[in-house]
C-alpha atoms as a PDB file:
ATOM      1  CA  LEU A   1       8.373 -16.004 -17.445  1.00  0.00           C
ATOM      2  CA  GLN A   2       7.707 -12.692 -19.275  1.00  0.00           C
ATOM      3  CA  VAL A   3       4.159 -13.821 -19.895  1.00  0.00           C
ATOM      4  CA  VAL A   4       3.654 -14.523 -16.232  1.00  0.00           C
ATOM      5  CA  GLY A   5       4.968 -11.097 -15.303  1.00  0.00           C
ATOM      6  CA  VAL A   6       2.588  -9.496 -17.878  1.00  0.00           C
ATOM      7  CA  ARG A   7      -0.423 -11.339 -16.405  1.00  0.00           C
ATOM      8  CA  TRP A   8       0.541 -10.318 -12.852  1.00  0.00           C
ATOM      9  CA  ALA A   9       0.976  -6.841 -13.937  1.00  0.00           C
ATOM     10  CA  VAL A  10      -2.510  -6.701 -15.542  1.00  0.00           C
ATOM     11  CA  LYS A  11      -4.255  -8.025 -12.481  1.00  0.00           C
ATOM     12  CA  VAL A  12      -2.246  -5.866  -9.902  1.00  0.00           C
ATOM     13  CA  LYS A  13      -2.941  -2.791 -11.882  1.00  0.00           C
ATOM     14  CA  GLU A  14      -6.583  -3.521 -11.791  1.00  0.00           C
ATOM     15  CA  ILE A  15      -6.594  -4.143  -8.001  1.00  0.00           C
ATOM     16  CA  LEU A  16      -4.487  -0.988  -7.338  1.00  0.00           C
ATOM     17  CA  ARG A  17      -6.543   1.272  -9.561  1.00  0.00           C
ATOM     18  CA  GLN A  18      -9.748   0.174  -7.487  1.00  0.00           C
ATOM     19  CA  PHE A  19      -7.805   0.748  -4.260  1.00  0.00           C
ATOM     20  CA  TRP A  20      -6.887   4.213  -5.509  1.00  0.00           C
ATOM     21  CA  ARG A  21     -10.434   5.119  -6.275  1.00  0.00           C
ATOM     22  CA  ASN A  22     -11.425   4.001  -2.948  1.00  0.00           C
ATOM     23  CA  THR A  23      -8.732   5.959  -1.349  1.00  0.00           C
ATOM     24  CA  PHE A  24      -9.573   9.173  -3.121  1.00  0.00           C
ATOM     25  CA  PRO A  25     -12.716  10.037  -1.067  1.00  0.00           C
ATOM     26  CA  ARG A  26     -10.837   9.814   2.069  1.00  0.00           C
ATOM     27  CA  LEU A  27      -8.622  12.535   1.111  1.00  0.00           C
ATOM     28  CA  GLN A  28     -11.667  15.019   1.498  1.00  0.00           C
ATOM     29  CA  LEU A  29     -10.438  17.278  -1.204  1.00  0.00           C
ATOM     30  CA  PRO A  30     -12.798  19.937  -2.407  1.00  0.00           C
ATOM     31  CA  TRP A  31     -14.719  18.297  -5.346  1.00  0.00           C
ATOM     32  CA  ASN A  32     -14.300  20.837  -8.085  1.00  0.00           C
ATOM     33  CA  ALA A  33     -13.300  20.868 -11.884  1.00  0.00           C
ATOM     34  CA  THR A  34      -9.617  21.095 -11.115  1.00  0.00           C
ATOM     35  CA  ASN A  35      -9.305  18.076  -8.662  1.00  0.00           C
ATOM     36  CA  SER A  36     -11.712  16.204 -11.171  1.00  0.00           C
ATOM     37  CA  VAL A  37      -9.079  16.796 -13.879  1.00  0.00           C
ATOM     38  CA  ARG A  38      -6.243  15.807 -11.740  1.00  0.00           C
ATOM     39  CA  ARG A  39      -7.941  12.627 -10.717  1.00  0.00           C
ATOM     40  CA  HIS A  40      -8.952  11.666 -14.208  1.00  0.00           C
ATOM     41  CA  ALA A  41      -5.297  12.231 -15.240  1.00  0.00           C
ATOM     42  CA  HIS A  42      -3.763  10.283 -12.567  1.00  0.00           C
ATOM     43  CA  GLU A  43      -6.305   7.394 -13.087  1.00  0.00           C
ATOM     44  CA  GLY A  44      -5.690   7.389 -16.851  1.00  0.00           C
ATOM     45  CA  GLN A  45      -2.434   7.178 -18.807  1.00  0.00           C
ATOM     46  CA  LEU A  46      -0.079   8.022 -15.963  1.00  0.00           C
ATOM     47  CA  PHE A  47      -1.496   5.578 -13.405  1.00  0.00           C
ATOM     48  CA  LEU A  48       1.154   2.926 -12.994  1.00  0.00           C
ATOM     49  CA  ALA A  49       2.146   3.908 -16.631  1.00  0.00           C
ATOM     50  CA  THR A  50       4.580   0.987 -17.344  1.00  0.00           C
ATOM     51  CA  LEU A  51       2.038  -1.699 -16.484  1.00  0.00           C
ATOM     52  CA  PRO A  52      -0.494  -2.665 -19.146  1.00  0.00           C
ATOM     53  CA  ASP A  53      -4.143  -2.523 -18.744  1.00  0.00           C
ATOM     54  CA  ARG A  54      -4.663  -5.599 -20.938  1.00  0.00           C
ATOM     55  CA  ILE A  55      -2.213  -8.472 -21.934  1.00  0.00           C
ATOM     56  CA  GLU A  56      -2.319  -7.361 -25.502  1.00  0.00           C
ATOM     57  CA  ASP A  57      -1.216  -3.915 -24.519  1.00  0.00           C
ATOM     58  CA  ALA A  58       2.039  -5.180 -23.097  1.00  0.00           C
ATOM     59  CA  PRO A  59       4.423  -4.204 -26.086  1.00  0.00           C
ATOM     60  CA  SER A  60       3.110  -0.674 -26.009  1.00  0.00           C
ATOM     61  CA  THR A  61       4.084  -0.218 -22.267  1.00  0.00           C
ATOM     62  CA  SER A  62       7.645  -0.979 -22.593  1.00  0.00           C
ATOM     63  CA  SER A  63       9.075   2.301 -23.295  1.00  0.00           C
ATOM     64  CA  TYR A  64       8.990   5.470 -21.255  1.00  0.00           C
ATOM     65  CA  ASP A  65       9.928   7.708 -24.303  1.00  0.00           C
ATOM     66  CA  SER A  66       7.775   5.792 -26.842  1.00  0.00           C
ATOM     67  CA  PRO A  67       4.232   6.606 -27.805  1.00  0.00           C
ATOM     68  CA  GLY A  68       1.609   4.197 -26.642  1.00  0.00           C
ATOM     69  CA  ASN A  69      -1.395   3.213 -28.505  1.00  0.00           C
ATOM     70  CA  GLU A  70      -3.656   5.025 -26.181  1.00  0.00           C
ATOM     71  CA  SER A  71      -1.961   8.472 -26.294  1.00  0.00           C
ATOM     72  CA  HIS A  72      -2.446   9.181 -30.031  1.00  0.00           C
ATOM     73  CA  GLY A  73       1.492   9.576 -30.476  1.00  0.00           C
ATOM     74  CA  THR A  74       2.131  11.270 -27.162  1.00  0.00           C
ATOM     75  CA  SER A  75       4.948   9.368 -25.042  1.00  0.00           C
ATOM     76  CA  LYS A  76       4.505   9.204 -21.324  1.00  0.00           C
ATOM     77  CA  LYS A  77       7.278  11.351 -20.878  1.00  0.00           C
ATOM     78  CA  GLN A  78       5.437  14.219 -22.911  1.00  0.00           C
ATOM     79  CA  ARG A  79       2.251  13.430 -20.757  1.00  0.00           C
ATOM     80  CA  VAL A  80       4.134  14.030 -17.542  1.00  0.00           C
ATOM     81  CA  LEU A  81       5.712  17.345 -18.737  1.00  0.00           C
ATOM     82  CA  GLN A  82       2.328  18.256 -20.043  1.00  0.00           C
ATOM     83  CA  CYS A  83       0.611  17.745 -16.736  1.00  0.00           C
ATOM     84  CA  VAL A  84       3.551  19.623 -14.834  1.00  0.00           C
ATOM     85  CA  ALA A  85       3.225  22.656 -17.318  1.00  0.00           C
ATOM     86  CA  SER A  86      -0.447  22.721 -16.553  1.00  0.00           C
ATOM     87  CA  GLU A  87       0.024  22.852 -12.837  1.00  0.00           C
ATOM     88  CA  ILE A  88       2.466  25.699 -13.162  1.00  0.00           C
ATOM     89  CA  ALA A  89       0.282  27.728 -15.523  1.00  0.00           C
ATOM     90  CA  LEU A  90      -2.782  27.124 -13.247  1.00  0.00           C
ATOM     91  CA  ALA A  91      -0.773  28.269 -10.119  1.00  0.00           C
ATOM     92  CA  GLN A  92       0.584  31.333 -11.915  1.00  0.00           C
ATOM     93  CA  SER A  93      -2.847  32.212 -12.710  1.00  0.00           C
ATOM     94  CA  LEU A  94      -4.686  31.763  -9.624  1.00  0.00           C
ATOM     95  CA  PHE A  95      -1.891  32.532  -6.983  1.00  0.00           C
ATOM     96  CA  PRO A  96       0.524  34.938  -8.746  1.00  0.00           C
ATOM     97  CA  GLN A  97       1.814  36.262  -5.583  1.00  0.00           C
ATOM     98  CA  GLU A  98       2.671  32.839  -3.899  1.00  0.00           C
ATOM     99  CA  ASP A  99       6.064  30.916  -4.292  1.00  0.00           C
ATOM    100  CA  PHE A 100       5.185  28.091  -6.539  1.00  0.00           C
ATOM    101  CA  VAL A 101       7.884  25.328  -6.847  1.00  0.00           C
ATOM    102  CA  ALA A 102       8.372  22.672  -9.434  1.00  0.00           C
ATOM    103  CA  VAL A 103      10.890  20.017  -8.825  1.00  0.00           C
ATOM    104  CA  GLY A 104      11.869  16.866 -10.838  1.00  0.00           C
ATOM    105  CA  LEU A 105      13.344  13.777  -9.279  1.00  0.00           C
ATOM    106  CA  ASP A 106      15.093  10.851 -10.366  1.00  0.00           C
ATOM    107  CA  ILE A 107      15.823   7.971  -7.973  1.00  0.00           C
ATOM    108  CA  GLN A 108      19.345   7.172  -8.756  1.00  0.00           C
ATOM    109  CA  ASN A 109      20.143   3.375  -9.410  1.00  0.00           C
ATOM    110  CA  PHE A 110      16.537   2.506  -8.360  1.00  0.00           C
ATOM    111  CA  TYR A 111      16.172  -0.760  -9.975  1.00  0.00           C
ATOM    112  CA  PRO A 112      19.770  -2.149  -9.047  1.00  0.00           C
ATOM    113  CA  SER A 113      19.289  -1.056  -5.506  1.00  0.00           C
ATOM    114  CA  LEU A 114      15.774  -2.459  -4.468  1.00  0.00           C
ATOM    115  CA  SER A 115      15.985  -4.687  -1.464  1.00  0.00           C
ATOM    116  CA  HIS A 116      14.625  -8.205  -1.884  1.00  0.00           C
ATOM    117  CA  LYS A 117      13.730  -8.531   1.619  1.00  0.00           C
ATOM    118  CA  LEU A 118      11.687  -5.429   1.405  1.00  0.00           C
ATOM    119  CA  ILE A 119      10.151  -6.445  -1.847  1.00  0.00           C
ATOM    120  CA  LEU A 120       9.052  -9.904  -0.416  1.00  0.00           C
ATOM    121  CA  HIS A 121       7.685  -8.275   2.766  1.00  0.00           C
ATOM    122  CA  LEU A 122       5.514  -5.766   0.705  1.00  0.00           C
ATOM    123  CA  LEU A 123       4.271  -8.604  -1.577  1.00  0.00           C
ATOM    124  CA  ASP A 124       3.172 -10.586   1.405  1.00  0.00           C
ATOM    125  CA  GLN A 125       1.791  -7.759   3.701  1.00  0.00           C
ATOM    126  CA  PHE A 126       0.345  -5.364   0.935  1.00  0.00           C
ATOM    127  CA  LEU A 127      -0.625  -7.529  -1.963  1.00  0.00           C
ATOM    128  CA  GLY A 128      -1.381 -10.695   0.050  1.00  0.00           C
ATOM    129  CA  VAL A 129       0.513 -12.885  -2.524  1.00  0.00           C
ATOM    130  CA  PRO A 130      -0.499 -16.593  -2.003  1.00  0.00           C
ATOM    131  CA  GLU A 131       2.046 -18.871  -0.432  1.00  0.00           C
ATOM    132  CA  LYS A 132       3.025 -20.793  -3.577  1.00  0.00           C
ATOM    133  CA  TRP A 133       3.499 -17.396  -5.566  1.00  0.00           C
ATOM    134  CA  LYS A 134       5.830 -16.144  -2.852  1.00  0.00           C
ATOM    135  CA  GLY A 135       8.318 -19.043  -3.784  1.00  0.00           C
ATOM    136  CA  PHE A 136       8.160 -18.067  -7.356  1.00  0.00           C
ATOM    137  CA  PHE A 137       8.928 -14.260  -6.567  1.00  0.00           C
ATOM    138  CA  GLN A 138      11.761 -15.396  -4.154  1.00  0.00           C
ATOM    139  CA  ARG A 139      13.236 -17.585  -6.874  1.00  0.00           C
ATOM    140  CA  PHE A 140      12.985 -14.586  -9.293  1.00  0.00           C
ATOM    141  CA  LEU A 141      14.678 -12.301  -7.049  1.00  0.00           C
ATOM    142  CA  THR A 142      17.495 -14.262  -5.649  1.00  0.00           C
ATOM    143  CA  PRO A 143      19.324 -16.100  -8.488  1.00  0.00           C
ATOM    144  CA  HIS A 144      22.505 -17.920  -7.441  1.00  0.00           C
ATOM    145  CA  VAL A 145      25.698 -16.577  -9.561  1.00  0.00           C
ATOM    146  CA  LYS A 146      29.059 -17.499  -9.640  1.00  0.00           C
ATOM    147  CA  ILE A 147      31.703 -14.762  -8.772  1.00  0.00           C
ATOM    148  CA  GLN A 148      35.545 -15.707  -8.836  1.00  0.00           C
ATOM    149  CA  GLY A 149      34.566 -19.385  -8.340  1.00  0.00           C
ATOM    150  CA  GLN A 150      32.170 -18.826  -5.456  1.00  0.00           C
ATOM    151  CA  THR A 151      28.373 -19.248  -5.468  1.00  0.00           C
ATOM    152  CA  LYS A 152      26.488 -16.153  -4.082  1.00  0.00           C
ATOM    153  CA  VAL A 153      23.081 -15.083  -3.806  1.00  0.00           C
ATOM    154  CA  ILE A 154      22.025 -11.700  -5.166  1.00  0.00           C
ATOM    155  CA  ARG A 155      20.383  -9.600  -2.227  1.00  0.00           C
ATOM    156  CA  ARG A 156      19.506  -6.500  -4.109  1.00  0.00           C
ATOM    157  CA  GLY A 157      18.366  -5.460  -7.416  1.00  0.00           C
ATOM    158  CA  VAL A 158      15.945  -6.456 -10.183  1.00  0.00           C
ATOM    159  CA  LEU A 159      16.476  -7.014 -13.888  1.00  0.00           C
ATOM    160  CA  LEU A 160      15.971  -3.872 -16.166  1.00  0.00           C
ATOM    161  CA  GLY A 161      13.123  -4.328 -18.739  1.00  0.00           C
ATOM    162  CA  HIS A 162      11.529  -7.358 -17.227  1.00  0.00           C
ATOM    163  CA  ALA A 163       7.783  -7.270 -16.730  1.00  0.00           C
ATOM    164  CA  LEU A 164       8.204  -8.606 -13.163  1.00  0.00           C
ATOM    165  CA  SER A 165      10.730  -6.023 -12.428  1.00  0.00           C
ATOM    166  CA  LYS A 166       8.374  -3.224 -13.592  1.00  0.00           C
ATOM    167  CA  LEU A 167       5.494  -4.613 -11.508  1.00  0.00           C
ATOM    168  CA  ILE A 168       7.783  -4.689  -8.452  1.00  0.00           C
ATOM    169  CA  ALA A 169       9.026  -0.946  -8.883  1.00  0.00           C
ATOM    170  CA  GLU A 170       5.460   0.299  -9.534  1.00  0.00           C
ATOM    171  CA  VAL A 171       4.064  -1.339  -6.420  1.00  0.00           C
ATOM    172  CA  LEU A 172       6.918   0.126  -4.199  1.00  0.00           C
ATOM    173  CA  LEU A 173       6.462   3.604  -5.582  1.00  0.00           C
ATOM    174  CA  PHE A 174       2.651   3.412  -5.514  1.00  0.00           C
ATOM    175  CA  LEU A 175       2.839   2.971  -1.894  1.00  0.00           C
ATOM    176  CA  ALA A 176       4.957   6.068  -1.704  1.00  0.00           C
ATOM    177  CA  GLU A 177       2.282   7.983  -3.513  1.00  0.00           C
ATOM    178  CA  VAL A 178      -0.243   6.654  -1.053  1.00  0.00           C
ATOM    179  CA  ALA A 179       1.675   7.764   1.901  1.00  0.00           C
ATOM    180  CA  ILE A 180       2.066  11.191   0.591  1.00  0.00           C
ATOM    181  CA  PHE A 181      -1.614  11.406  -0.070  1.00  0.00           C
ATOM    182  CA  ASP A 182      -2.321  10.259   3.546  1.00  0.00           C
ATOM    183  CA  LYS A 183      -0.046  12.850   4.763  1.00  0.00           C
ATOM    184  CA  THR A 184      -0.588  15.873   2.557  1.00  0.00           C
ATOM    185  CA  SER A 185      -3.503  15.215   0.223  1.00  0.00           C
ATOM    186  CA  LYS A 186      -1.548  16.302  -2.629  1.00  0.00           C
ATOM    187  CA  PHE A 187      -0.809  14.837  -6.058  1.00  0.00           C
ATOM    188  CA  ILE A 188       2.701  13.945  -7.435  1.00  0.00           C
ATOM    189  CA  THR A 189       3.161  13.160 -11.183  1.00  0.00           C
ATOM    190  CA  ARG A 190       5.109  10.093 -11.610  1.00  0.00           C
ATOM    191  CA  VAL A 191       6.483   7.588 -14.189  1.00  0.00           C
ATOM    192  CA  VAL A 192       8.151   4.963 -12.504  1.00  0.00           C
ATOM    193  CA  ASP A 193      11.027   6.552 -10.580  1.00  0.00           C
ATOM    194  CA  ASP A 194      10.844   9.899 -12.467  1.00  0.00           C
ATOM    195  CA  ILE A 195       8.862  11.938 -10.070  1.00  0.00           C
ATOM    196  CA  TYR A 196       7.521  15.586 -10.511  1.00  0.00           C
ATOM    197  CA  ILE A 197       6.336  17.558  -7.427  1.00  0.00           C
ATOM    198  CA  THR A 198       4.562  20.941  -7.890  1.00  0.00           C
ATOM    199  CA  GLY A 199       2.910  23.237  -5.307  1.00  0.00           C
ATOM    200  CA  PRO A 200       3.668  25.889  -2.806  1.00  0.00           C
ATOM    201  CA  GLN A 201       7.227  25.657  -1.227  1.00  0.00           C
ATOM    202  CA  THR A 202       5.957  24.632   2.173  1.00  0.00           C
ATOM    203  CA  ASP A 203       3.993  21.754   0.575  1.00  0.00           C
ATOM    204  CA  VAL A 204       6.746  20.530  -1.650  1.00  0.00           C
ATOM    205  CA  ALA A 205       8.988  20.532   1.566  1.00  0.00           C
ATOM    206  CA  VAL A 206       6.492  18.289   3.327  1.00  0.00           C
ATOM    207  CA  ILE A 207       6.380  15.956   0.368  1.00  0.00           C
ATOM    208  CA  PHE A 208      10.234  15.708   0.165  1.00  0.00           C
ATOM    209  CA  GLN A 209      10.212  14.765   3.946  1.00  0.00           C
ATOM    210  CA  THR A 210       7.557  11.943   3.339  1.00  0.00           C
ATOM    211  CA  LEU A 211       9.573  10.475   0.462  1.00  0.00           C
ATOM    212  CA  GLN A 212      12.701  10.416   2.552  1.00  0.00           C
ATOM    213  CA  ALA A 213      10.911   8.626   5.485  1.00  0.00           C
END
């Protein structure tokens, strides 16, 4: 089951990276060195960071705090904080008079609270998962468990640490990123549900509203 999850993760990451590259031109951002660096960072080590680029990379993508092979000893968490620090330094240098805000968010109980109905809907409508695989994902998401002698079906939550769970979490939050870009043309820095928002106070407020919608 874990191998199936890794194979799905590699393929979906490839598809979503291409989708992102096709989306970026529609944002109509000024093409300058700053946005070029932002795009490179976003498409690189922090893009769907817990999903492997290749099947053989899967072990190195298992931990948020552990350094991966591609980062030369730098963990994903460190990379995130480096990006945030760079945005703060840039803003202080270019716009010293503006109110610049940096906010870190962690979605509480993210994995245990994910709705299976929502997940299946997005797998169908957004990823276009074939019919035979819809049944596979449904079986993975809705195990039957016995509680006080009664058999019940789990309606929310996914297994922590499983390749399929990471895939589902990344897809859901990737869609949130796309919604933010469509509405604000702003970047956020994210590794799974650890989200960092930087920018002028008014822009950060709009991003918050978009995440809550």
